[in-house]
Amino acid sequence: MHVGEWLRSLELSEYEAAFRENAIDSKVLPKLTGDDLKDLGVVSVGHRRKLLSALAELSGTFAGPTAVARQSGWEGSDNQDGHLAVAAR
């Protein structure tokens, strides 16, 4: 898979140069974390969440709210009404 094509498919082509300059290839891509994305210049929370969800699909895991929160440096737990309670670390 070509990383640039993948980013364009997510409508996030503005990050293509940063991924290329930081040698992000198809082997590194599925291992990226929320912190890695910040280091790459992905400052928008929405873009990071979109990328983390797409990365989880690449690695065969589902990035539900808890997984995304964990990867983004947040910790939370499901409460009784099914909503995710999130607290900063």
Protein backbone atom coordinates (compact mmCIF):
# COMPACT_ATOMS: atom_id res chain seq x y z
CA MET A 1 0.00 0.00 0.00
CA HIS A 2 1.20 3.50 -0.82
CA VAL A 3 0.90 5.78 2.23
CA GLY A 4 0.12 8.86 0.13
CA GLU A 5 -2.78 7.10 -1.58
CA TRP A 6 -4.07 5.94 1.80
CA LEU A 7 -3.97 9.50 3.17
CA ARG A 8 -5.75 10.81 0.06
CA SER A 9 -8.45 8.13 0.48
CA LEU A 10 -9.05 9.55 3.97
CA GLU A 11 -9.13 13.11 2.55
CA LEU A 12 -6.05 13.93 4.63
CA SER A 13 -3.51 14.52 1.87
CA GLU A 14 -2.16 17.62 3.67
CA TYR A 15 -0.11 15.23 5.84
CA GLU A 16 1.46 13.35 2.93
CA ALA A 17 4.69 15.37 2.94
CA ALA A 18 5.15 14.95 6.71
CA PHE A 19 4.64 11.19 6.46
CA ARG A 20 7.11 10.98 3.55
CA GLU A 21 9.72 13.21 5.30
CA ASN A 22 9.52 11.01 8.40
CA ALA A 23 9.92 7.75 6.45
CA ILE A 24 6.45 6.46 7.31
CA ASP A 25 5.93 3.46 5.07
CA SER A 26 3.43 0.60 5.02
CA LYS A 27 5.40 -1.29 7.70
CA VAL A 28 5.57 1.65 10.12
CA LEU A 29 2.09 3.01 9.41
CA PRO A 30 0.01 0.48 11.44
CA LYS A 31 2.24 1.04 14.49
CA LEU A 32 1.69 4.82 14.73
CA THR A 33 0.25 6.17 17.97
CA GLY A 34 -1.59 9.37 18.82
CA ASP A 35 1.69 10.85 20.05
CA ASP A 36 3.39 9.90 16.78
CA LEU A 37 0.64 11.69 14.86
CA LYS A 38 1.16 14.81 16.98
CA ASP A 39 4.89 14.62 16.24
CA LEU A 40 4.02 14.42 12.54
CA GLY A 41 2.06 17.66 12.84
CA VAL A 42 -1.47 16.29 13.02
CA VAL A 43 -2.77 18.91 15.45
CA SER A 44 -6.48 18.51 14.76
CA VAL A 45 -8.09 16.10 17.22
CA GLY A 46 -10.63 15.12 14.57
CA HIS A 47 -7.88 14.27 12.09
CA ARG A 48 -6.00 12.23 14.71
CA ARG A 49 -9.15 10.29 15.60
CA LYS A 50 -9.85 9.66 11.93
CA LEU A 51 -6.30 8.45 11.38
CA LEU A 52 -6.28 6.27 14.52
CA SER A 53 -9.54 4.61 13.46
CA ALA A 54 -8.19 3.97 9.97
CA LEU A 55 -4.93 2.65 11.43
CA ALA A 56 -6.87 0.25 13.63
CA GLU A 57 -8.68 -1.04 10.56
CA LEU A 58 -5.32 -1.60 8.86
CA SER A 59 -4.06 -3.65 11.77
CA GLY A 60 -7.30 -5.63 12.01
CA THR A 61 -8.51 -4.16 15.29
CA PHE A 62 -11.51 -1.98 15.97
CA ALA A 63 -10.73 1.47 17.38
CA GLY A 64 -13.80 2.10 19.44
CA PRO A 65 -13.90 5.11 21.77
CA THR A 66 -11.92 3.37 24.50
CA ALA A 67 -9.13 2.26 22.15
CA VAL A 68 -8.90 5.70 20.56
CA ALA A 69 -8.86 7.34 24.00
CA ARG A 70 -6.06 5.04 25.16
CA GLN A 71 -3.99 5.69 22.02
CA SER A 72 -4.55 9.42 22.36
CA GLY A 73 -3.24 9.58 25.93
CA TRP A 74 -6.65 9.51 27.62
CA GLU A 75 -7.93 6.99 30.06
CA GLY A 76 -11.56 6.17 30.61
CA SER A 77 -14.10 3.55 31.58
CA ASP A 78 -17.58 2.68 30.49
CA ASN A 79 -20.18 3.66 33.06
CA GLN A 80 -23.52 1.95 33.64
CA ASP A 81 -25.46 3.90 31.02
CA GLY A 82 -22.99 2.86 28.31
CA HIS A 83 -21.28 6.23 27.94
CA LEU A 84 -17.54 6.51 28.07
CA ALA A 85 -16.25 8.43 31.08
CA VAL A 86 -12.94 10.05 30.17
CA ALA A 87 -10.36 11.59 32.48
CA ALA A 88 -7.02 13.15 31.58
CA ARG A 89 -3.87 11.38 32.78
